[in-house]
Amino acid sequence: MKKYLSFSLAILILFTSCGTVNQSKFKYKDNHKELILSKYGESTIIQTKDNNETWIYDNSSFLQSKRKVMFNNKGRIISNKKTLSTPAYIIRNIVTPLTLLSIGFLLFLDDRFGYGN
């Protein structure tokens, strides 16, 4: 039982607390705008305010997420935020944690009460 519980906890920690979540992926790159264009394509809306340029990727599809990339006056990324669509939000924040908890609970019951022997 200790092996299953330890393994389940390790997997849960791995998926929920990644140390690189808030680190910039383009920190050591030179031309951020070209990288964003090559990765996401042309934006649907471009706004300029206070020397900052904002590219908005507004996907009208039900399954695709929306993205907002903000550049400073030197063309460097200030923020790169993704807003999940409703199905992606439900899967990421409700279905996946409940599935992992269910698997861990079933493994606990399996060893606790001798099922599966």
Protein backbone atom coordinates (compact mmCIF):
# COMPACT_ATOMS: atom_id res chain seq x y z
CA MET A 1 0.00 0.00 0.00
CA LYS A 2 2.80 2.41 0.79
CA LYS A 3 4.18 2.06 -2.72
CA TYR A 4 0.84 2.90 -4.34
CA LEU A 5 0.17 5.80 -2.01
CA SER A 6 3.66 7.21 -2.44
CA PHE A 7 3.44 6.86 -6.21
CA SER A 8 0.00 8.52 -6.29
CA LEU A 9 1.19 11.42 -4.16
CA ALA A 10 4.30 11.88 -6.31
CA ILE A 11 2.22 12.01 -9.50
CA LEU A 12 -0.25 14.42 -7.90
CA ILE A 13 2.54 16.74 -6.74
CA LEU A 14 4.21 16.57 -10.14
CA PHE A 15 1.08 17.69 -11.96
CA THR A 16 -0.05 20.36 -9.51
CA SER A 17 3.11 22.19 -8.47
CA CYS A 18 5.48 22.72 -11.35
CA GLY A 19 8.26 25.19 -10.50
CA THR A 20 8.54 26.65 -14.00
CA VAL A 21 4.95 27.85 -14.40
CA ASN A 22 5.65 31.58 -14.06
CA GLN A 23 9.05 31.70 -15.76
CA SER A 24 9.39 33.45 -19.10
CA LYS A 25 9.89 31.07 -22.02
CA PHE A 26 11.33 33.83 -24.21
CA LYS A 27 13.77 35.32 -21.71
CA TYR A 28 16.93 34.74 -23.76
CA LYS A 29 15.40 35.30 -27.22
CA ASP A 30 15.98 38.46 -29.26
CA ASN A 31 12.86 39.08 -31.35
CA HIS A 32 9.79 38.25 -29.29
CA LYS A 33 7.24 39.37 -31.87
CA GLU A 34 8.56 36.98 -34.51
CA LEU A 35 8.49 34.13 -32.02
CA ILE A 36 4.88 34.85 -31.08
CA LEU A 37 3.92 35.10 -34.77
CA SER A 38 5.57 31.78 -35.53
CA LYS A 39 3.95 30.10 -32.53
CA TYR A 40 0.39 31.50 -32.60
CA GLY A 41 0.05 33.16 -36.02
CA GLU A 42 -1.55 36.52 -36.76
CA SER A 43 -3.58 38.06 -33.95
CA THR A 44 -7.20 39.02 -34.43
CA ILE A 45 -6.94 42.35 -32.56
CA ILE A 46 -3.93 44.66 -32.02
CA GLN A 47 -4.28 47.46 -29.46
CA THR A 48 -1.79 50.18 -28.51
CA LYS A 49 -1.97 51.98 -25.15
CA ASP A 50 0.73 53.79 -23.11
CA ASN A 51 3.58 52.63 -25.40
CA ASN A 52 2.46 49.01 -24.89
CA GLU A 53 1.20 46.91 -27.77
CA THR A 54 -1.35 44.19 -27.02
CA TRP A 55 -2.07 41.30 -29.37
CA ILE A 56 -5.34 39.53 -28.68
CA TYR A 57 -6.04 36.09 -30.12
CA ASP A 58 -9.81 35.86 -29.89
CA ASN A 59 -10.73 32.41 -31.15
CA SER A 60 -14.45 32.21 -31.71
CA SER A 61 -14.40 28.42 -31.52
CA PHE A 62 -16.06 26.79 -28.52
CA LEU A 63 -13.09 24.51 -27.81
CA GLN A 64 -10.16 26.91 -28.36
CA SER A 65 -8.76 29.14 -25.64
CA LYS A 66 -8.13 32.88 -25.91
CA ARG A 67 -4.71 34.52 -25.52
CA LYS A 68 -3.51 38.06 -24.77
CA VAL A 69 0.15 38.97 -25.36
CA MET A 70 1.43 42.39 -24.24
CA PHE A 71 4.69 43.91 -25.54
CA ASN A 72 6.58 46.94 -24.25
CA ASN A 73 7.94 49.69 -26.55
CA LYS A 74 11.12 47.64 -27.18
CA GLY A 75 9.17 44.64 -28.47
CA ARG A 76 9.76 42.47 -25.38
CA ILE A 77 6.96 40.45 -23.82
CA ILE A 78 5.46 41.94 -20.65
CA SER A 79 2.72 39.37 -20.22
CA ASN A 80 1.47 36.32 -22.08
CA LYS A 81 -1.84 35.19 -20.59
CA LYS A 82 -4.11 32.41 -21.75
CA THR A 83 -7.81 32.28 -20.85
CA LEU A 84 -9.13 28.74 -21.02
CA SER A 85 -12.34 27.96 -22.86
CA THR A 86 -15.16 26.46 -20.83
CA PRO A 87 -14.51 22.78 -21.75
CA ALA A 88 -10.76 23.15 -21.19
CA TYR A 89 -11.36 24.85 -17.82
CA ILE A 90 -13.70 22.07 -16.69
CA ILE A 91 -11.30 19.33 -17.74
CA ARG A 92 -8.24 21.00 -16.20
CA ASN A 93 -9.74 22.16 -12.90
CA ILE A 94 -12.51 19.65 -12.16
CA VAL A 95 -12.23 16.39 -14.12
CA THR A 96 -8.46 15.84 -13.80
CA PRO A 97 -8.20 16.43 -10.01
CA LEU A 98 -11.28 14.29 -9.35
CA THR A 99 -9.87 11.49 -11.51
CA LEU A 100 -6.52 11.58 -9.70
CA LEU A 101 -8.23 11.59 -6.30
CA SER A 102 -10.47 8.69 -7.34
CA ILE A 103 -7.51 6.62 -8.51
CA GLY A 104 -5.66 7.31 -5.27
CA PHE A 105 -8.75 6.43 -3.21
CA LEU A 106 -9.28 3.19 -5.14
CA LEU A 107 -5.65 2.22 -4.65
CA PHE A 108 -6.02 2.96 -0.94
CA LEU A 109 -9.17 0.80 -0.71
CA ASP A 110 -7.51 -1.96 -2.71
CA ASP A 111 -4.66 -2.33 -0.21
CA ARG A 112 -6.64 -1.45 2.91
CA PHE A 113 -9.34 -4.11 2.52
CA GLY A 114 -7.38 -6.72 0.56
CA TYR A 115 -9.19 -6.34 -2.75
CA GLY A 116 -7.31 -7.52 -5.78
CA ASN A 117 -5.29 -10.25 -4.00
